[in-house]
N, C-alpha and C. Protein backbone atom coordinates (compact mmCIF):
# COMPACT_ATOMS: atom_id res chain seq x y z
N MET A 1 29.68 -15.83 5.36
CA MET A 1 28.75 -15.03 6.19
C MET A 1 28.33 -13.79 5.42
N ASP A 2 27.06 -13.49 5.50
CA ASP A 2 26.49 -12.34 4.83
C ASP A 2 27.04 -11.06 5.51
N PRO A 3 27.60 -10.09 4.73
CA PRO A 3 28.13 -8.87 5.32
C PRO A 3 27.09 -8.03 6.06
N LEU A 4 25.84 -8.16 5.66
CA LEU A 4 24.78 -7.41 6.33
C LEU A 4 24.57 -7.89 7.78
N LEU A 5 24.75 -9.21 7.97
CA LEU A 5 24.56 -9.76 9.30
C LEU A 5 25.57 -9.19 10.31
N SER A 6 26.77 -8.86 9.85
CA SER A 6 27.79 -8.33 10.76
C SER A 6 27.46 -6.91 11.22
N LYS A 7 26.56 -6.20 10.47
CA LYS A 7 26.21 -4.85 10.83
C LYS A 7 24.93 -4.80 11.68
N ILE A 8 24.26 -5.91 11.85
CA ILE A 8 23.02 -5.94 12.61
C ILE A 8 23.30 -6.28 14.07
N LYS A 9 22.73 -5.46 14.95
CA LYS A 9 22.85 -5.74 16.38
C LYS A 9 21.42 -5.98 16.90
N LEU A 10 21.16 -7.15 17.39
CA LEU A 10 19.82 -7.51 17.86
C LEU A 10 19.55 -6.93 19.25
N LYS A 11 18.30 -6.53 19.45
CA LYS A 11 17.88 -6.02 20.75
C LYS A 11 17.73 -7.20 21.74
N ALA A 12 17.82 -6.88 22.98
CA ALA A 12 17.63 -7.89 24.02
C ALA A 12 16.12 -8.28 24.05
N LEU A 13 15.82 -9.50 24.43
CA LEU A 13 14.46 -10.00 24.48
C LEU A 13 13.58 -9.11 25.36
N GLU A 14 14.12 -8.64 26.48
CA GLU A 14 13.36 -7.79 27.38
C GLU A 14 12.96 -6.51 26.71
N GLU A 15 13.86 -5.92 25.88
CA GLU A 15 13.56 -4.68 25.19
C GLU A 15 12.44 -4.88 24.17
N ILE A 16 12.46 -6.04 23.48
CA ILE A 16 11.43 -6.32 22.48
C ILE A 16 10.08 -6.53 23.16
N ILE A 17 10.08 -7.26 24.27
CA ILE A 17 8.81 -7.48 25.01
C ILE A 17 8.29 -6.15 25.55
N THR A 18 9.14 -5.30 26.06
CA THR A 18 8.71 -3.99 26.56
C THR A 18 8.10 -3.15 25.46
N ALA A 19 8.78 -3.12 24.30
CA ALA A 19 8.21 -2.35 23.18
C ALA A 19 6.88 -2.92 22.70
N ALA A 20 6.76 -4.25 22.72
CA ALA A 20 5.51 -4.90 22.31
C ALA A 20 4.40 -4.51 23.32
N ARG A 21 4.69 -4.55 24.60
CA ARG A 21 3.72 -4.15 25.65
C ARG A 21 3.23 -2.74 25.43
N GLU A 22 4.18 -1.82 25.20
CA GLU A 22 3.85 -0.41 24.99
C GLU A 22 2.95 -0.26 23.77
N THR A 23 3.27 -0.96 22.71
CA THR A 23 2.50 -0.86 21.48
C THR A 23 1.06 -1.42 21.70
N ILE A 24 0.95 -2.57 22.35
CA ILE A 24 -0.35 -3.16 22.65
C ILE A 24 -1.13 -2.21 23.57
N HIS A 25 -0.47 -1.65 24.56
CA HIS A 25 -1.14 -0.73 25.48
C HIS A 25 -1.70 0.48 24.71
N ARG A 26 -0.93 1.03 23.78
CA ARG A 26 -1.37 2.17 22.97
C ARG A 26 -2.59 1.79 22.14
N HIS A 27 -2.55 0.62 21.49
CA HIS A 27 -3.68 0.18 20.69
C HIS A 27 -4.93 -0.08 21.55
N ARG A 28 -4.74 -0.66 22.74
CA ARG A 28 -5.85 -0.93 23.64
C ARG A 28 -6.50 0.38 24.07
N ARG A 29 -5.68 1.35 24.43
CA ARG A 29 -6.20 2.66 24.83
C ARG A 29 -7.03 3.32 23.71
N LYS A 30 -6.51 3.27 22.50
CA LYS A 30 -7.23 3.85 21.35
C LYS A 30 -8.52 3.09 21.08
N PHE A 31 -8.46 1.74 21.20
CA PHE A 31 -9.65 0.93 20.97
C PHE A 31 -10.75 1.29 21.98
N LEU A 32 -10.36 1.40 23.26
CA LEU A 32 -11.33 1.77 24.29
C LEU A 32 -11.87 3.17 24.09
N GLN A 33 -11.00 4.12 23.77
CA GLN A 33 -11.47 5.49 23.56
C GLN A 33 -12.43 5.58 22.35
N ARG A 34 -12.09 4.90 21.29
CA ARG A 34 -12.93 4.91 20.07
C ARG A 34 -14.30 4.28 20.36
N ASN A 35 -14.36 3.20 21.14
CA ASN A 35 -15.60 2.49 21.36
C ASN A 35 -16.39 2.97 22.57
N LEU A 36 -15.81 3.83 23.38
CA LEU A 36 -16.53 4.39 24.55
C LEU A 36 -16.89 5.86 24.29
N ARG A 37 -16.46 6.40 23.16
CA ARG A 37 -16.76 7.79 22.83
C ARG A 37 -18.25 8.00 22.69
N PRO A 38 -18.80 9.05 23.33
CA PRO A 38 -20.26 9.25 23.23
C PRO A 38 -20.63 9.73 21.83
N CYS A 39 -21.19 8.81 21.04
CA CYS A 39 -21.67 9.13 19.72
C CYS A 39 -22.71 8.07 19.37
N PRO A 40 -23.63 8.36 18.46
CA PRO A 40 -24.67 7.39 18.12
C PRO A 40 -24.15 6.01 17.69
N GLU A 41 -22.96 5.96 17.06
CA GLU A 41 -22.42 4.66 16.62
C GLU A 41 -22.09 3.75 17.80
N ASN A 42 -21.84 4.31 18.97
CA ASN A 42 -21.50 3.55 20.15
C ASN A 42 -22.62 3.46 21.19
N CYS A 43 -23.79 3.97 20.80
CA CYS A 43 -24.91 4.09 21.76
C CYS A 43 -25.98 3.00 21.49
N LYS A 44 -26.58 2.53 22.62
CA LYS A 44 -27.65 1.54 22.48
C LYS A 44 -28.90 2.16 21.84
N GLY A 45 -29.00 3.49 21.83
CA GLY A 45 -30.17 4.16 21.26
C GLY A 45 -29.96 4.52 19.79
N ALA A 46 -29.00 3.91 19.12
CA ALA A 46 -28.70 4.23 17.72
C ALA A 46 -29.90 3.91 16.81
N SER A 47 -30.19 4.84 15.90
CA SER A 47 -31.22 4.61 14.87
C SER A 47 -30.52 3.97 13.67
N MET A 48 -31.08 2.84 13.23
CA MET A 48 -30.44 2.11 12.14
C MET A 48 -31.35 2.08 10.92
N VAL A 49 -30.70 2.13 9.76
CA VAL A 49 -31.36 1.86 8.48
C VAL A 49 -30.52 0.77 7.85
N GLY A 50 -31.02 -0.47 7.91
CA GLY A 50 -30.22 -1.61 7.50
C GLY A 50 -29.13 -1.84 8.51
N HIS A 51 -27.87 -1.77 8.03
CA HIS A 51 -26.69 -1.91 8.92
C HIS A 51 -26.04 -0.56 9.18
N LYS A 52 -26.67 0.51 8.73
CA LYS A 52 -26.06 1.84 8.83
C LYS A 52 -26.72 2.63 9.97
N VAL A 53 -25.85 3.25 10.81
CA VAL A 53 -26.35 4.10 11.89
C VAL A 53 -26.66 5.47 11.26
N VAL A 54 -27.87 5.98 11.48
CA VAL A 54 -28.27 7.27 10.90
C VAL A 54 -28.55 8.34 11.95
N GLY A 55 -28.50 7.98 13.23
CA GLY A 55 -28.77 8.96 14.28
C GLY A 55 -28.95 8.23 15.61
N CYS A 56 -29.56 8.94 16.57
CA CYS A 56 -29.74 8.37 17.89
C CYS A 56 -31.11 8.76 18.45
N THR A 57 -31.83 7.78 18.98
CA THR A 57 -33.14 8.06 19.57
C THR A 57 -33.00 8.58 20.99
N ASN A 58 -31.89 8.28 21.66
CA ASN A 58 -31.72 8.75 23.07
C ASN A 58 -31.50 10.26 23.13
N CYS A 59 -30.60 10.77 22.28
CA CYS A 59 -30.28 12.20 22.36
C CYS A 59 -30.91 13.01 21.24
N GLY A 60 -31.46 12.33 20.23
CA GLY A 60 -32.11 13.01 19.10
C GLY A 60 -31.11 13.47 18.05
N SER A 61 -29.90 13.00 18.09
CA SER A 61 -28.89 13.42 17.10
C SER A 61 -29.15 12.81 15.73
N PRO A 62 -29.17 13.64 14.69
CA PRO A 62 -29.29 13.14 13.33
C PRO A 62 -27.93 12.80 12.76
N ASN A 63 -26.87 13.09 13.52
CA ASN A 63 -25.49 12.92 13.04
C ASN A 63 -24.88 11.72 13.71
N THR A 64 -24.17 10.85 12.98
CA THR A 64 -23.57 9.65 13.58
C THR A 64 -22.30 9.94 14.34
N ASP A 65 -21.74 11.15 14.17
CA ASP A 65 -20.46 11.46 14.83
C ASP A 65 -20.59 12.18 16.15
N ASN A 66 -21.71 12.85 16.38
CA ASN A 66 -21.84 13.67 17.60
C ASN A 66 -23.09 13.30 18.39
N CYS A 67 -22.91 13.25 19.69
CA CYS A 67 -24.02 13.03 20.61
C CYS A 67 -24.45 14.41 21.09
N LEU A 68 -25.77 14.69 20.97
CA LEU A 68 -26.27 16.03 21.37
C LEU A 68 -26.39 16.15 22.89
N LYS A 69 -26.74 15.08 23.56
CA LYS A 69 -26.90 15.10 25.00
C LYS A 69 -26.13 13.92 25.57
N GLU A 70 -24.88 14.18 25.96
CA GLU A 70 -23.99 13.11 26.45
C GLU A 70 -24.52 12.40 27.67
N GLU A 71 -25.34 13.09 28.49
CA GLU A 71 -25.90 12.44 29.68
C GLU A 71 -26.89 11.32 29.33
N LYS A 72 -27.39 11.33 28.10
CA LYS A 72 -28.32 10.28 27.65
C LYS A 72 -27.60 9.15 26.90
N PHE A 73 -26.29 9.26 26.77
CA PHE A 73 -25.50 8.24 26.07
C PHE A 73 -25.47 6.95 26.88
N VAL A 74 -25.80 5.83 26.23
CA VAL A 74 -25.76 4.50 26.88
C VAL A 74 -24.82 3.64 26.01
N PRO A 75 -23.60 3.34 26.46
CA PRO A 75 -22.64 2.60 25.66
C PRO A 75 -23.16 1.17 25.32
N LEU A 76 -22.77 0.72 24.13
CA LEU A 76 -23.12 -0.62 23.69
C LEU A 76 -22.46 -1.70 24.58
N PHE A 77 -21.22 -1.42 24.98
CA PHE A 77 -20.44 -2.40 25.74
C PHE A 77 -19.80 -1.71 26.95
N THR A 78 -19.58 -2.49 27.99
CA THR A 78 -18.85 -1.98 29.16
C THR A 78 -17.35 -1.95 28.82
N LYS A 79 -16.62 -1.26 29.66
CA LYS A 79 -15.18 -1.17 29.44
C LYS A 79 -14.52 -2.57 29.52
N GLU A 80 -15.02 -3.39 30.42
CA GLU A 80 -14.49 -4.74 30.59
C GLU A 80 -14.77 -5.62 29.36
N GLU A 81 -15.99 -5.47 28.80
CA GLU A 81 -16.33 -6.23 27.58
C GLU A 81 -15.46 -5.79 26.41
N LEU A 82 -15.22 -4.49 26.32
CA LEU A 82 -14.37 -3.99 25.23
C LEU A 82 -12.92 -4.47 25.41
N ALA A 83 -12.45 -4.51 26.66
CA ALA A 83 -11.09 -4.98 26.92
C ALA A 83 -10.98 -6.45 26.51
N GLN A 84 -12.02 -7.25 26.75
CA GLN A 84 -12.00 -8.66 26.34
C GLN A 84 -12.07 -8.78 24.83
N GLN A 85 -12.85 -7.93 24.19
CA GLN A 85 -12.91 -7.93 22.70
C GLN A 85 -11.54 -7.66 22.13
N PHE A 86 -10.83 -6.66 22.71
CA PHE A 86 -9.49 -6.35 22.23
C PHE A 86 -8.56 -7.52 22.43
N ALA A 87 -8.63 -8.17 23.61
CA ALA A 87 -7.80 -9.34 23.87
C ALA A 87 -8.07 -10.45 22.88
N ASP A 88 -9.35 -10.64 22.53
CA ASP A 88 -9.71 -11.65 21.53
C ASP A 88 -9.14 -11.31 20.16
N GLN A 89 -9.14 -10.03 19.84
CA GLN A 89 -8.58 -9.59 18.53
C GLN A 89 -7.07 -9.91 18.46
N LEU A 90 -6.38 -9.78 19.60
CA LEU A 90 -4.94 -10.09 19.60
C LEU A 90 -4.67 -11.55 19.32
N ARG A 91 -5.66 -12.39 19.44
CA ARG A 91 -5.48 -13.83 19.22
C ARG A 91 -6.06 -14.27 17.85
N ASN A 92 -6.52 -13.32 17.07
CA ASN A 92 -7.03 -13.62 15.74
C ASN A 92 -6.03 -13.12 14.70
N PRO A 93 -5.30 -14.02 14.04
CA PRO A 93 -4.26 -13.59 13.10
C PRO A 93 -4.78 -12.71 11.97
N GLU A 94 -5.99 -12.93 11.53
CA GLU A 94 -6.53 -12.08 10.44
C GLU A 94 -6.72 -10.65 10.90
N VAL A 95 -7.26 -10.47 12.12
CA VAL A 95 -7.44 -9.14 12.65
C VAL A 95 -6.09 -8.49 12.90
N LEU A 96 -5.14 -9.27 13.45
CA LEU A 96 -3.80 -8.75 13.67
C LEU A 96 -3.19 -8.21 12.39
N LEU A 97 -3.26 -8.97 11.30
CA LEU A 97 -2.67 -8.56 10.03
C LEU A 97 -3.38 -7.34 9.45
N ARG A 98 -4.70 -7.27 9.64
CA ARG A 98 -5.47 -6.18 9.08
C ARG A 98 -5.38 -4.90 9.90
N GLU A 99 -5.48 -5.02 11.22
CA GLU A 99 -5.62 -3.84 12.09
C GLU A 99 -4.35 -3.48 12.87
N TYR A 100 -3.55 -4.49 13.23
CA TYR A 100 -2.44 -4.24 14.13
C TYR A 100 -1.16 -4.86 13.58
N ARG A 101 -0.71 -4.35 12.46
CA ARG A 101 0.48 -4.93 11.81
C ARG A 101 1.73 -4.82 12.66
N ASP A 102 1.86 -3.72 13.41
CA ASP A 102 3.02 -3.54 14.27
C ASP A 102 3.04 -4.60 15.38
N VAL A 103 1.90 -4.91 15.95
CA VAL A 103 1.81 -5.96 16.96
C VAL A 103 2.13 -7.32 16.32
N THR A 104 1.65 -7.55 15.08
CA THR A 104 1.93 -8.79 14.41
C THR A 104 3.43 -8.99 14.25
N VAL A 105 4.16 -7.96 13.90
CA VAL A 105 5.62 -8.05 13.74
C VAL A 105 6.28 -8.41 15.07
N PHE A 106 5.85 -7.75 16.14
CA PHE A 106 6.42 -8.08 17.45
C PHE A 106 6.16 -9.53 17.79
N LEU A 107 4.94 -10.00 17.61
CA LEU A 107 4.62 -11.38 17.94
C LEU A 107 5.38 -12.35 17.05
N TRP A 108 5.60 -12.00 15.79
CA TRP A 108 6.37 -12.86 14.89
C TRP A 108 7.82 -12.93 15.37
N VAL A 109 8.38 -11.78 15.74
CA VAL A 109 9.79 -11.76 16.20
C VAL A 109 9.91 -12.59 17.47
N LEU A 110 8.90 -12.55 18.32
CA LEU A 110 8.92 -13.31 19.56
C LEU A 110 8.61 -14.79 19.37
N GLY A 111 8.28 -15.17 18.13
CA GLY A 111 8.02 -16.57 17.84
C GLY A 111 6.63 -17.06 18.11
N ALA A 112 5.63 -16.12 18.10
CA ALA A 112 4.27 -16.51 18.43
C ALA A 112 3.57 -17.24 17.31
N PHE A 113 4.05 -17.16 16.09
CA PHE A 113 3.37 -17.82 14.97
C PHE A 113 4.10 -19.09 14.59
N ASP A 114 3.34 -20.18 14.56
CA ASP A 114 3.86 -21.47 14.12
C ASP A 114 3.48 -21.62 12.66
N LYS A 115 4.47 -21.54 11.77
CA LYS A 115 4.21 -21.50 10.35
C LYS A 115 3.53 -22.80 9.85
N GLN A 116 3.93 -23.95 10.37
CA GLN A 116 3.38 -25.20 9.88
C GLN A 116 1.91 -25.38 10.30
N LYS A 117 1.62 -25.11 11.54
CA LYS A 117 0.27 -25.35 12.08
C LYS A 117 -0.65 -24.15 11.91
N LYS A 118 -0.10 -23.03 11.48
CA LYS A 118 -0.88 -21.78 11.38
C LYS A 118 -1.61 -21.48 12.68
N GLU A 119 -0.85 -21.49 13.77
CA GLU A 119 -1.39 -21.21 15.11
C GLU A 119 -0.58 -20.12 15.76
N ILE A 120 -1.19 -19.49 16.72
CA ILE A 120 -0.48 -18.50 17.54
C ILE A 120 -0.19 -19.16 18.87
N ASP A 121 1.06 -19.09 19.29
CA ASP A 121 1.45 -19.68 20.59
C ASP A 121 0.91 -18.78 21.69
N GLU A 122 -0.03 -19.28 22.41
CA GLU A 122 -0.75 -18.53 23.45
C GLU A 122 0.21 -18.11 24.57
N THR A 123 1.22 -18.90 24.86
CA THR A 123 2.12 -18.56 25.97
C THR A 123 2.86 -17.26 25.68
N ILE A 124 3.23 -17.02 24.44
CA ILE A 124 3.95 -15.80 24.07
C ILE A 124 3.02 -14.61 24.15
N VAL A 125 1.78 -14.74 23.66
CA VAL A 125 0.83 -13.65 23.76
C VAL A 125 0.54 -13.32 25.23
N GLU A 126 0.37 -14.36 26.05
CA GLU A 126 0.13 -14.13 27.48
C GLU A 126 1.30 -13.47 28.15
N LYS A 127 2.52 -13.83 27.79
CA LYS A 127 3.70 -13.22 28.41
C LYS A 127 3.79 -11.75 28.07
N VAL A 128 3.48 -11.40 26.80
CA VAL A 128 3.52 -9.98 26.42
C VAL A 128 2.41 -9.21 27.13
N GLU A 129 1.25 -9.82 27.30
CA GLU A 129 0.14 -9.15 27.94
C GLU A 129 0.25 -9.15 29.48
N GLN A 130 1.11 -9.96 30.03
CA GLN A 130 1.16 -10.16 31.49
C GLN A 130 1.26 -8.88 32.24
N SER A 131 2.20 -8.00 31.93
CA SER A 131 2.33 -6.77 32.71
C SER A 131 1.19 -5.82 32.44
N GLU A 132 0.62 -5.85 31.22
CA GLU A 132 -0.51 -5.01 30.91
C GLU A 132 -1.69 -5.38 31.78
N ASN A 133 -1.88 -6.67 32.05
CA ASN A 133 -2.98 -7.11 32.89
C ASN A 133 -2.83 -6.57 34.29
N LYS A 134 -1.59 -6.53 34.77
CA LYS A 134 -1.33 -6.01 36.11
C LYS A 134 -1.63 -4.52 36.16
N ILE A 135 -1.28 -3.81 35.09
CA ILE A 135 -1.41 -2.35 35.07
C ILE A 135 -2.89 -1.96 34.97
N ARG A 136 -3.61 -2.51 34.08
CA ARG A 136 -4.96 -2.03 33.83
C ARG A 136 -6.00 -2.65 34.76
N LYS A 137 -5.89 -3.90 35.11
CA LYS A 137 -6.77 -4.63 36.06
C LYS A 137 -8.22 -4.38 35.80
N MET A 138 -8.60 -3.96 34.61
CA MET A 138 -10.01 -3.71 34.38
C MET A 138 -10.73 -4.92 33.86
N ALA A 139 -9.99 -5.91 33.43
CA ALA A 139 -10.60 -7.13 32.95
C ALA A 139 -10.27 -8.28 33.87
N ALA A 140 -10.14 -8.00 35.15
CA ALA A 140 -9.77 -9.03 36.12
C ALA A 140 -10.78 -10.16 36.11
N GLY A 141 -10.28 -11.35 36.07
CA GLY A 141 -11.12 -12.52 36.12
C GLY A 141 -11.74 -12.88 34.77
N VAL A 142 -11.53 -12.08 33.75
CA VAL A 142 -12.09 -12.35 32.44
C VAL A 142 -11.19 -13.33 31.68
N GLN A 143 -9.88 -13.18 31.87
CA GLN A 143 -8.96 -14.03 31.14
C GLN A 143 -9.02 -15.44 31.70
N GLY A 144 -9.15 -16.44 30.80
CA GLY A 144 -9.23 -17.83 31.23
C GLY A 144 -8.31 -18.68 30.42
N GLY A 145 -8.41 -19.98 30.64
CA GLY A 145 -7.60 -20.91 29.88
C GLY A 145 -6.30 -21.20 30.51
N GLY A 146 -5.58 -22.13 29.94
CA GLY A 146 -4.34 -22.57 30.51
C GLY A 146 -3.14 -22.00 29.82
N VAL A 147 -2.02 -22.03 30.46
CA VAL A 147 -0.79 -21.57 29.87
C VAL A 147 -0.30 -22.65 28.92
N GLY A 148 0.20 -22.23 27.78
CA GLY A 148 0.80 -23.15 26.84
C GLY A 148 -0.16 -23.67 25.79
N ARG A 149 -1.42 -23.21 25.85
CA ARG A 149 -2.34 -23.71 24.82
C ARG A 149 -2.15 -22.88 23.56
N ALA A 150 -2.43 -23.47 22.42
CA ALA A 150 -2.30 -22.77 21.15
C ALA A 150 -3.70 -22.56 20.60
N VAL A 151 -3.91 -21.42 19.98
CA VAL A 151 -5.24 -21.08 19.43
C VAL A 151 -5.16 -21.31 17.94
N PRO A 152 -5.98 -22.24 17.37
CA PRO A 152 -5.95 -22.47 15.95
C PRO A 152 -6.43 -21.26 15.18
N VAL A 153 -5.90 -21.07 13.99
CA VAL A 153 -6.30 -19.98 13.14
C VAL A 153 -7.55 -20.37 12.38
N ARG A 154 -8.57 -19.53 12.42
CA ARG A 154 -9.78 -19.78 11.68
C ARG A 154 -9.95 -18.63 10.71
N ASP A 155 -10.25 -18.97 9.49
CA ASP A 155 -10.48 -17.97 8.47
C ASP A 155 -11.91 -17.52 8.53
N VAL A 156 -12.17 -16.23 8.38
CA VAL A 156 -13.54 -15.74 8.32
C VAL A 156 -14.23 -16.33 7.12
N GLY A 157 -15.43 -16.79 7.27
CA GLY A 157 -16.15 -17.40 6.18
C GLY A 157 -16.00 -18.92 6.17
N GLY A 158 -15.40 -19.47 7.20
CA GLY A 158 -15.30 -20.92 7.33
C GLY A 158 -14.23 -21.59 6.48
N HIS A 159 -13.36 -20.83 5.84
CA HIS A 159 -12.30 -21.40 5.03
C HIS A 159 -11.23 -21.98 5.93
N ASN A 160 -10.88 -23.23 5.73
CA ASN A 160 -9.80 -23.83 6.49
C ASN A 160 -8.54 -23.79 5.68
N PRO A 161 -7.45 -23.21 6.21
CA PRO A 161 -6.21 -23.14 5.46
C PRO A 161 -5.73 -24.54 5.08
N SER A 162 -5.19 -24.62 3.87
CA SER A 162 -4.67 -25.90 3.42
C SER A 162 -3.35 -25.69 2.75
N GLU A 163 -2.72 -26.78 2.38
CA GLU A 163 -1.42 -26.67 1.72
C GLU A 163 -1.53 -26.04 0.35
N ASN A 164 -2.72 -26.06 -0.25
CA ASN A 164 -2.92 -25.51 -1.57
C ASN A 164 -3.10 -24.01 -1.54
N ASP A 165 -3.27 -23.39 -0.38
CA ASP A 165 -3.44 -21.93 -0.29
C ASP A 165 -2.17 -21.26 -0.77
N GLN A 166 -2.36 -20.15 -1.46
CA GLN A 166 -1.20 -19.39 -1.93
C GLN A 166 -0.68 -18.56 -0.78
N THR A 167 0.62 -18.60 -0.59
CA THR A 167 1.22 -17.77 0.42
C THR A 167 2.40 -17.04 -0.21
N THR A 168 2.89 -16.03 0.49
CA THR A 168 3.99 -15.24 -0.03
C THR A 168 5.35 -15.84 0.28
N GLY A 169 5.37 -16.98 0.94
CA GLY A 169 6.66 -17.59 1.30
C GLY A 169 6.98 -17.38 2.77
N ASP A 170 6.39 -16.34 3.37
CA ASP A 170 6.63 -16.12 4.79
C ASP A 170 5.49 -16.57 5.66
N GLY A 171 4.54 -17.31 5.02
CA GLY A 171 3.41 -17.87 5.78
C GLY A 171 2.19 -16.99 5.75
N THR A 172 2.29 -15.74 5.19
CA THR A 172 1.13 -14.88 5.14
C THR A 172 0.46 -15.09 3.81
N PRO A 173 -0.90 -14.90 3.75
CA PRO A 173 -1.61 -15.10 2.49
C PRO A 173 -1.17 -14.13 1.43
N SER A 174 -1.21 -14.58 0.17
CA SER A 174 -0.91 -13.72 -0.94
C SER A 174 -2.00 -12.66 -1.06
N PRO A 175 -1.63 -11.44 -1.53
CA PRO A 175 -2.64 -10.43 -1.76
C PRO A 175 -3.56 -10.89 -2.88
N THR A 176 -4.79 -10.40 -2.84
CA THR A 176 -5.73 -10.69 -3.92
C THR A 176 -5.30 -9.96 -5.15
N PRO A 177 -5.84 -10.33 -6.35
CA PRO A 177 -5.40 -9.66 -7.60
C PRO A 177 -5.52 -8.16 -7.59
N ASP A 178 -6.47 -7.56 -6.80
CA ASP A 178 -6.57 -6.12 -6.78
C ASP A 178 -5.58 -5.48 -5.83
N GLY A 179 -4.69 -6.24 -5.21
CA GLY A 179 -3.66 -5.72 -4.34
C GLY A 179 -4.03 -5.65 -2.88
N ASN A 180 -5.24 -6.00 -2.54
CA ASN A 180 -5.68 -5.97 -1.14
C ASN A 180 -5.63 -7.37 -0.58
N ARG A 181 -5.42 -7.45 0.74
CA ARG A 181 -5.47 -8.76 1.40
C ARG A 181 -6.93 -9.09 1.65
N SER A 182 -7.27 -10.35 1.51
CA SER A 182 -8.67 -10.70 1.75
C SER A 182 -8.85 -11.12 3.19
């Protein structure tokens, strides 16, 4: 037996789920605050040059960070739509790895990732989100689907994972040569 194993005391499943819920709740709150903040980047009146926001036609702001007249701010998305976008991000392994690594670790510990099929077990994600849905109730009726379904992993750009893909041994993709994950 490994001597390190004798020094490790595992947390109870309920403690892990509670910590995961708190972490997801914190990320959801920040996501909503960031995307509902009155600024030209979040406003339907944003002035665009290509894909870049350069100001706002509603309030006349030349600055992408500040709204000059908050009463003229018209958000791009409703709070419910943003809550659904966040829930969708929790089911996308690429977004989880890039944006929410702490949530990824919780879901991995809880067994949400199936290494062979490269899928996220939806029942585990739903169980972690269950109390959050009761607390926030702002996306009521938006969540659909059945319990126990698994969501296949899709790579951005249409790449389908194969056995020939390089992995680090733990099922995560190898970093690109420049040290960043793709």
